[in-house]
Amino acid sequence: MYKNLVKPFFDFSIALILLIVVSPIFVLVIIFLMAFQKGQVFFTQQRPGMNEKLFRVIKFKTMTDERGADGELLPDKERLTWVGSFVRKTSLDELPQLINVIKGDMSFIGPRPWLVEYLPLYSPEQRRRHEVKPGISGWAQVNGRNAISWEQRFQYDLYYVDNQSFWLDLKIIFLTIKKVFIAEGISAKGSATMEKFKGN
């Protein structure tokens, strides 16, 4: 009942209220990104959701599209602007995902939606992370975010799938707020963002 009725109702209602409340911050971030990232504001990309159904995740863009002489994108750390770094550090880049929650593509709490290109690399057990809606934050995010190994991320995600409840969601929400304030686990060691998953 919580998973199928109560949680979707709270997700929609709270996301709609929050979007209205934070709209001034939303506008300010857009202005800063337009000023310092050559007009690039939003980043959208297909991601697998519940039951691996694809949807377009929406985030604030924190990196430019600068390319090297070979035509390839420069490394993440070279494309991450100072304003983009601030937006990531404060987790403001996640704000547009409130729209995904309102649309029903995502929940506030659940496994993070990873890249579509990872789908063929998952083991049958790892694919179970798609048995619930992906979330803006999740059990893996409050236990290390991008600073933990892929194996640990899967363990945390599957723990959430098997133990989803109101109390666990509430705990993750409070821990997420704490993580935002201390800006912990934003990047993997030696990387500006998160290392790519290469399979088992």
Protein backbone atom coordinates (compact mmCIF):
# COMPACT_ATOMS: atom_id res chain seq x y z
CA MET A 1 0.00 0.00 0.00
CA TYR A 2 2.82 2.42 0.86
CA LYS A 3 4.74 1.70 -2.36
CA ASN A 4 1.76 1.80 -4.74
CA LEU A 5 -0.53 4.44 -3.20
CA VAL A 6 0.87 6.49 -0.33
CA LYS A 7 4.36 7.14 -1.70
CA PRO A 8 3.23 8.27 -5.22
CA PHE A 9 0.69 10.65 -3.62
CA PHE A 10 3.30 12.21 -1.32
CA ASP A 11 5.85 12.38 -4.16
CA PHE A 12 3.50 14.34 -6.42
CA SER A 13 2.12 16.65 -3.72
CA ILE A 14 5.45 17.52 -2.08
CA ALA A 15 7.27 17.92 -5.43
CA LEU A 16 4.62 20.37 -6.66
CA ILE A 17 4.78 22.43 -3.44
CA LEU A 18 8.59 22.40 -3.42
CA LEU A 19 8.79 23.48 -7.06
CA ILE A 20 6.66 26.53 -6.24
CA VAL A 21 8.62 27.34 -3.05
CA VAL A 22 12.09 27.04 -4.65
CA SER A 23 11.12 28.78 -7.90
CA PRO A 24 13.16 31.93 -6.99
CA ILE A 25 16.28 29.76 -6.48
CA PHE A 26 15.42 27.92 -9.69
CA VAL A 27 15.39 31.22 -11.60
CA LEU A 28 18.65 32.41 -10.00
CA VAL A 29 20.47 29.21 -10.99
CA ILE A 30 19.21 29.59 -14.57
CA ILE A 31 20.51 33.20 -14.70
CA PHE A 32 23.96 32.23 -13.39
CA LEU A 33 24.27 29.26 -15.73
CA MET A 34 23.23 31.37 -18.72
CA ALA A 35 25.82 34.00 -17.78
CA PHE A 36 28.77 31.71 -17.13
CA GLN A 37 28.10 28.65 -19.30
CA LYS A 38 27.31 30.32 -22.61
CA GLY A 39 23.56 29.85 -22.30
CA GLN A 40 23.70 26.14 -21.48
CA VAL A 41 21.21 25.62 -18.66
CA PHE A 42 19.48 22.22 -18.75
CA PHE A 43 20.84 18.74 -19.27
CA THR A 44 18.39 16.03 -20.38
CA GLN A 45 19.20 12.42 -21.06
CA GLN A 46 17.35 9.14 -21.41
CA ARG A 47 17.59 6.97 -18.30
CA PRO A 48 15.96 3.66 -17.35
CA GLY A 49 13.21 3.95 -14.76
CA MET A 50 10.97 1.42 -13.05
CA ASN A 51 10.89 -1.88 -14.99
CA GLU A 52 13.61 -0.34 -17.21
CA LYS A 53 11.10 1.97 -18.92
CA LEU A 54 13.05 4.85 -20.46
CA PHE A 55 12.38 8.47 -19.56
CA ARG A 56 14.23 11.79 -19.88
CA VAL A 57 15.87 12.92 -16.67
CA ILE A 58 16.19 16.71 -16.26
CA LYS A 59 19.08 18.36 -14.42
CA PHE A 60 20.85 21.69 -14.42
CA LYS A 61 23.87 21.51 -16.72
CA THR A 62 27.12 21.79 -14.78
CA MET A 63 29.63 21.18 -17.59
CA THR A 64 30.26 22.82 -20.94
CA ASP A 65 30.38 20.93 -24.25
CA GLU A 66 33.98 21.92 -25.01
CA ARG A 67 35.89 19.52 -27.25
CA GLY A 68 39.56 18.93 -27.97
CA ALA A 69 41.34 19.05 -31.32
CA ASP A 70 40.26 15.44 -31.96
CA GLY A 71 36.61 16.41 -31.68
CA GLU A 72 36.11 14.44 -28.47
CA LEU A 73 34.69 16.00 -25.31
CA LEU A 74 37.33 17.22 -22.89
CA PRO A 75 37.63 15.39 -19.53
CA ASP A 76 34.89 16.19 -17.01
CA LYS A 77 37.18 18.20 -14.73
CA GLU A 78 38.12 20.50 -17.63
CA ARG A 79 34.49 21.12 -18.60
CA LEU A 80 33.24 21.70 -15.06
CA THR A 81 32.92 25.48 -14.57
CA TRP A 82 33.15 27.21 -11.20
CA VAL A 83 29.44 27.90 -11.19
CA GLY A 84 28.78 24.31 -12.29
CA SER A 85 30.98 23.07 -9.46
CA PHE A 86 29.01 25.15 -6.95
CA VAL A 87 25.69 23.91 -8.31
CA ARG A 88 26.89 20.30 -8.02
CA LYS A 89 28.39 20.80 -4.55
CA THR A 90 25.11 22.19 -3.21
CA SER A 91 23.06 19.57 -5.13
CA LEU A 92 21.13 22.38 -6.85
CA ASP A 93 21.67 20.52 -10.13
CA GLU A 94 19.04 18.03 -8.92
CA LEU A 95 16.25 20.64 -8.59
CA PRO A 96 14.79 20.15 -12.10
CA GLN A 97 14.17 16.50 -11.24
CA LEU A 98 11.19 17.74 -9.23
CA ILE A 99 9.54 17.88 -12.67
CA ASN A 100 10.38 14.18 -13.17
CA VAL A 101 8.78 13.40 -9.80
CA ILE A 102 5.62 15.33 -10.70
CA LYS A 103 5.43 13.45 -14.01
CA GLY A 104 5.73 10.14 -12.17
CA ASP A 105 9.03 9.11 -13.78
CA MET A 106 10.89 9.33 -10.48
CA SER A 107 10.38 9.34 -6.73
CA PHE A 108 12.11 11.44 -4.10
CA ILE A 109 13.76 8.29 -2.76
CA GLY A 110 15.00 5.31 -4.76
CA PRO A 111 18.06 4.03 -6.63
CA ARG A 112 19.60 6.73 -8.80
CA PRO A 113 18.77 6.36 -12.54
CA TRP A 114 22.00 5.41 -14.28
CA LEU A 115 22.94 5.47 -17.95
CA VAL A 116 21.04 3.42 -20.54
CA GLU A 117 24.36 2.07 -21.82
CA TYR A 118 24.83 0.22 -18.52
CA LEU A 119 21.73 -1.96 -18.96
CA PRO A 120 23.42 -4.77 -20.95
CA LEU A 121 26.20 -4.92 -18.35
CA TYR A 122 24.01 -5.75 -15.35
CA SER A 123 23.74 -9.22 -13.86
CA PRO A 124 20.18 -10.53 -13.22
CA GLU A 125 20.59 -9.59 -9.54
CA GLN A 126 21.82 -6.08 -10.36
CA ARG A 127 18.84 -5.51 -12.68
CA ARG A 128 16.57 -5.81 -9.64
CA ARG A 129 17.39 -2.16 -8.84
CA HIS A 130 14.73 -1.34 -11.46
CA GLU A 131 11.93 -3.00 -9.49
CA VAL A 132 11.21 0.38 -7.88
CA LYS A 133 11.10 3.93 -9.21
CA PRO A 134 14.48 5.69 -9.39
CA GLY A 135 14.96 8.53 -6.92
CA ILE A 136 16.54 11.96 -6.56
CA SER A 137 18.32 10.51 -3.54
CA GLY A 138 18.72 6.97 -2.28
CA TRP A 139 20.33 4.62 0.22
CA ALA A 140 23.56 4.55 -1.84
CA GLN A 141 23.69 8.36 -1.99
CA VAL A 142 23.54 8.79 1.78
CA ASN A 143 26.14 6.04 2.23
CA GLY A 144 28.87 7.51 0.07
CA ARG A 145 27.27 8.97 -3.07
CA ASN A 146 29.93 9.00 -5.84
CA ALA A 147 32.83 8.14 -3.54
CA ILE A 148 31.94 4.44 -3.13
CA SER A 149 32.59 1.49 -5.44
CA TRP A 150 30.05 0.21 -7.95
CA GLU A 151 29.73 -3.03 -5.99
CA GLN A 152 28.77 -1.06 -2.89
CA ARG A 153 26.24 1.01 -4.86
CA PHE A 154 24.49 -2.14 -6.05
CA GLN A 155 24.44 -3.56 -2.53
CA TYR A 156 22.84 -0.40 -1.17
CA ASP A 157 20.34 -0.18 -4.04
CA LEU A 158 19.24 -3.80 -3.61
CA TYR A 159 18.95 -3.30 0.14
CA TYR A 160 16.52 -0.47 -0.58
CA VAL A 161 14.53 -2.57 -3.06
CA ASP A 162 14.11 -5.31 -0.45
CA ASN A 163 13.44 -2.99 2.52
CA GLN A 164 11.50 -0.05 1.09
CA SER A 165 9.31 1.55 3.75
CA PHE A 166 8.09 4.91 5.03
CA TRP A 167 10.63 4.89 7.86
CA LEU A 168 13.56 4.04 5.59
CA ASP A 169 12.52 6.81 3.17
CA LEU A 170 12.26 9.27 6.07
CA LYS A 171 15.73 8.28 7.30
CA ILE A 172 17.18 8.78 3.80
CA ILE A 173 15.56 12.22 3.52
CA PHE A 174 17.14 13.41 6.77
CA LEU A 175 20.53 11.91 5.85
CA THR A 176 20.31 13.55 2.40
CA ILE A 177 19.80 16.97 3.98
CA LYS A 178 22.85 16.33 6.17
CA LYS A 179 24.95 15.26 3.14
CA VAL A 180 23.97 18.40 1.22
CA PHE A 181 25.11 20.65 4.05
CA ILE A 182 28.49 18.92 4.48
CA ALA A 183 28.93 18.39 0.68
CA GLU A 184 30.31 14.87 1.13
CA GLY A 185 30.95 12.18 -1.51
CA ILE A 186 30.31 14.41 -4.53
CA SER A 187 33.13 12.97 -6.64
CA ALA A 188 34.85 9.64 -6.99
CA LYS A 189 38.54 9.57 -6.09
CA GLY A 190 40.56 10.98 -9.01
CA SER A 191 37.45 12.04 -10.91
CA ALA A 192 35.40 15.24 -11.11
CA THR A 193 32.17 13.26 -11.16
CA MET A 194 31.68 9.48 -11.07
CA GLU A 195 33.66 6.69 -12.74
CA LYS A 196 31.84 4.79 -15.47
CA PHE A 197 30.43 1.33 -14.82
CA LYS A 198 32.23 -1.32 -16.89
CA GLY A 199 30.37 -4.42 -15.77
CA ASN A 200 31.47 -7.24 -13.52
